[in-house]
Amino acid sequence: MTTYPVNHLEIAASDPNAAAEFYKAVFGWKIEVDEGMNYVQFVAEEGGIGGAFTEVSDNNPAGTVLAYVSTDDIEASLGKIEAN
């Protein structure tokens, strides 16, 4: 049976670094910053998914969460998406 786990989340934040520090303080998430890409990543608890805090913009308003879903057959998954 094919599964479709969520494997990455991007959370829009007006200040990604401040958001990262908040989640680190509250939940103990590990934070990694890629200065070159201005990308603030997090790794949640053991076995949990990771993701990133992205800057708020016109195309990425506050409160936006983008979930990445894995599939082992992208063509079949796209077919199901288009059919539904």
Protein backbone atom coordinates (compact mmCIF):
# COMPACT_ATOMS: atom_id res chain seq x y z
CA MET A 1 0.00 0.00 0.00
CA THR A 2 1.32 3.42 -0.90
CA THR A 3 1.66 5.93 1.89
CA TYR A 4 1.91 9.70 1.55
CA PRO A 5 3.68 11.06 4.62
CA VAL A 6 4.10 14.78 5.20
CA ASN A 7 7.88 15.18 5.27
CA HIS A 8 8.50 18.94 5.43
CA LEU A 9 6.59 22.06 6.48
CA GLU A 10 7.24 25.71 5.71
CA ILE A 11 5.68 28.18 8.14
CA ALA A 12 5.43 31.86 7.15
CA ALA A 13 6.72 34.24 9.83
CA SER A 14 7.27 38.00 9.83
CA ASP A 15 10.61 37.31 11.55
CA PRO A 16 11.80 33.75 10.80
CA ASN A 17 14.73 33.99 13.23
CA ALA A 18 12.46 35.10 16.09
CA ALA A 19 9.99 32.34 15.24
CA ALA A 20 12.83 29.83 15.32
CA GLU A 21 13.97 31.03 18.74
CA PHE A 22 10.39 30.83 20.06
CA TYR A 23 9.90 27.22 18.92
CA LYS A 24 13.38 26.29 20.15
CA ALA A 25 12.62 27.72 23.62
CA VAL A 26 9.14 26.21 23.86
CA PHE A 27 9.61 22.81 22.20
CA GLY A 28 13.38 22.33 22.11
CA TRP A 29 13.49 22.11 18.32
CA LYS A 30 16.94 22.14 16.74
CA ILE A 31 17.46 25.21 14.53
CA GLU A 32 19.74 25.41 11.49
CA VAL A 33 20.20 28.66 9.54
CA ASP A 34 21.36 28.81 5.92
CA GLU A 35 22.49 32.43 5.71
CA GLY A 36 23.13 32.21 1.96
CA MET A 37 19.52 31.27 1.25
CA ASN A 38 18.03 33.18 4.20
CA TYR A 39 16.38 29.90 5.16
CA VAL A 40 15.74 29.09 8.84
CA GLN A 41 15.18 25.35 9.24
CA PHE A 42 13.93 23.34 12.19
CA VAL A 43 14.13 19.71 13.19
CA ALA A 44 11.35 18.68 15.54
CA GLU A 45 11.52 15.92 18.12
CA GLU A 46 12.95 12.50 17.33
CA GLY A 47 10.88 10.89 14.60
CA GLY A 48 9.02 14.12 13.84
CA ILE A 49 9.19 16.03 10.61
CA GLY A 50 11.29 19.10 10.00
CA GLY A 51 10.72 22.23 8.03
CA ALA A 52 11.51 25.90 7.84
CA PHE A 53 10.32 29.36 8.80
CA THR A 54 9.94 31.48 5.68
CA GLU A 55 9.56 35.24 5.40
CA VAL A 56 6.10 36.72 4.98
CA SER A 57 5.58 38.25 1.53
CA ASP A 58 2.75 39.07 -0.88
CA ASN A 59 2.92 35.48 -2.16
CA ASN A 60 3.47 34.02 1.30
CA PRO A 61 1.13 35.81 3.74
CA ALA A 62 1.27 35.42 7.52
CA GLY A 63 -0.32 32.19 8.67
CA THR A 64 0.61 30.28 5.51
CA VAL A 65 1.79 26.72 6.04
CA LEU A 66 3.07 24.75 3.05
CA ALA A 67 3.17 20.97 3.51
CA TYR A 68 5.37 18.74 1.36
CA VAL A 69 4.01 15.22 0.85
CA SER A 70 6.13 12.26 -0.28
CA THR A 71 5.09 9.79 -2.93
CA ASP A 72 6.87 6.85 -4.52
CA ASP A 73 5.05 7.38 -7.86
CA ILE A 74 4.64 11.03 -8.80
CA GLU A 75 2.84 10.30 -12.08
CA ALA A 76 0.19 8.17 -10.35
CA SER A 77 -0.20 10.79 -7.62
CA LEU A 78 -0.60 13.60 -10.15
CA GLY A 79 -3.19 11.51 -11.97
CA LYS A 80 -5.21 11.15 -8.76
CA ILE A 81 -4.88 14.87 -8.07
CA GLU A 82 -6.11 15.80 -11.54
CA ALA A 83 -8.98 13.30 -11.39
CA ASN A 84 -10.21 14.75 -8.13
